[in-house]
Amino acid sequence: MYIHCFAFRWKPGVTDEQIERAAVEIRAFQGHIPGLLETYVGRNESPRGQGYAFGGVMKFSDKSSFEAYGQNPVHQKLLSWLMPLIEPVELDFEA
């Protein structure tokens, strides 16, 4: 099993609608990304978030499934509009 964790700092001017769109599209990966077993995403409620206001965890069947996810067209479509809006941080590890 392979775990992918991510958190975003939103850039100034990002709307609630854009944040919700990101959540909806990430949740919709389920069933469209081979090897993706579970997806959790939402707004950060921690007072220690250091500005990271949104994040998620994805569980993949193995590292090769995770690596293929990066180039999947569904993921690339999300990145095309999302990347200009965020400062991301990621953690990926074998579980």
Protein backbone atom coordinates (compact mmCIF):
# COMPACT_ATOMS: atom_id res chain seq x y z
CA MET A 1 0.00 0.00 0.00
CA TYR A 2 1.19 3.52 -0.76
CA ILE A 3 -0.03 6.75 0.89
CA HIS A 4 -0.13 10.19 -0.74
CA CYS A 5 -0.81 13.18 1.55
CA PHE A 6 -1.15 16.75 0.35
CA ALA A 7 -1.93 20.19 1.75
CA PHE A 8 -2.53 23.52 0.02
CA ARG A 9 -2.05 27.13 0.94
CA TRP A 10 -4.48 29.06 -1.23
CA LYS A 11 -3.15 32.11 -3.02
CA PRO A 12 -4.92 35.45 -2.49
CA GLY A 13 -8.21 35.81 -4.32
CA VAL A 14 -9.16 32.12 -4.41
CA THR A 15 -12.93 31.78 -3.99
CA ASP A 16 -14.98 29.32 -1.94
CA GLU A 17 -16.34 28.00 -5.24
CA GLN A 18 -12.81 27.17 -6.46
CA ILE A 19 -12.03 25.43 -3.17
CA GLU A 20 -15.22 23.38 -3.40
CA ARG A 21 -14.48 22.54 -7.04
CA ALA A 22 -11.06 21.19 -6.00
CA ALA A 23 -12.65 19.00 -3.32
CA VAL A 24 -15.32 17.67 -5.69
CA GLU A 25 -12.83 16.89 -8.46
CA ILE A 26 -10.37 15.17 -6.11
CA ARG A 27 -13.16 13.02 -4.63
CA ALA A 28 -14.23 12.15 -8.18
CA PHE A 29 -10.86 10.48 -8.83
CA GLN A 30 -12.31 7.46 -7.03
CA GLY A 31 -13.22 4.90 -9.68
CA HIS A 32 -11.29 6.74 -12.40
CA ILE A 33 -7.70 6.30 -11.21
CA PRO A 34 -6.45 2.70 -11.38
CA GLY A 35 -5.12 1.49 -8.03
CA LEU A 36 -6.68 4.34 -6.01
CA LEU A 37 -8.34 2.63 -3.04
CA GLU A 38 -9.48 5.52 -0.82
CA THR A 39 -9.61 9.31 -0.97
CA TYR A 40 -10.20 11.80 1.85
CA VAL A 41 -10.13 15.56 1.30
CA GLY A 42 -11.31 18.68 3.13
CA ARG A 43 -10.59 22.00 4.79
CA ASN A 44 -7.96 21.99 7.51
CA GLU A 45 -9.36 22.62 10.97
CA SER A 46 -6.06 22.53 12.86
CA PRO A 47 -4.92 25.76 14.54
CA ARG A 48 -1.34 24.62 13.79
CA GLY A 49 -1.81 24.40 10.01
CA GLN A 50 0.73 27.15 9.21
CA GLY A 51 -1.54 28.49 6.47
CA TYR A 52 -2.26 25.12 4.88
CA ALA A 53 -6.02 25.43 4.74
CA PHE A 54 -6.95 22.35 2.70
CA GLY A 55 -5.61 18.84 2.41
CA GLY A 56 -6.16 15.20 1.78
CA VAL A 57 -4.97 11.63 1.92
CA MET A 58 -5.10 9.08 -0.87
CA LYS A 59 -4.42 5.38 -0.46
CA PHE A 60 -3.06 3.48 -3.47
CA SER A 61 -2.68 -0.26 -3.87
CA ASP A 62 1.07 0.12 -4.48
CA LYS A 63 3.79 2.62 -5.41
CA SER A 64 3.50 1.93 -9.14
CA SER A 65 -0.21 2.86 -9.06
CA PHE A 66 0.69 6.09 -7.31
CA GLU A 67 3.42 6.86 -9.85
CA ALA A 68 1.02 6.28 -12.76
CA TYR A 69 -1.53 8.61 -11.13
CA GLY A 70 0.75 11.60 -11.72
CA GLN A 71 0.29 11.36 -15.50
CA ASN A 72 -3.33 10.23 -15.52
CA PRO A 73 -5.43 12.58 -17.72
CA VAL A 74 -8.02 13.08 -14.96
CA HIS A 75 -5.29 14.25 -12.58
CA GLN A 76 -3.65 16.41 -15.25
CA LYS A 77 -6.98 18.12 -15.97
CA LEU A 78 -7.29 19.11 -12.30
CA LEU A 79 -3.69 20.35 -12.15
CA SER A 80 -4.18 22.55 -15.23
CA TRP A 81 -6.46 24.95 -13.37
CA LEU A 82 -5.49 24.22 -9.74
CA MET A 83 -1.71 24.74 -9.72
CA PRO A 84 -1.85 28.53 -10.26
CA LEU A 85 -4.09 28.81 -7.16
CA ILE A 86 -2.00 26.91 -4.59
CA GLU A 87 1.25 26.51 -2.73
CA PRO A 88 1.29 22.74 -2.18
CA VAL A 89 3.21 20.40 0.07
CA GLU A 90 3.15 16.60 -0.32
CA LEU A 91 4.18 13.55 1.69
CA ASP A 92 4.32 10.14 0.03
CA PHE A 93 5.26 6.89 1.73
CA GLU A 94 4.98 3.12 1.75
CA ALA A 95 2.55 1.84 4.36
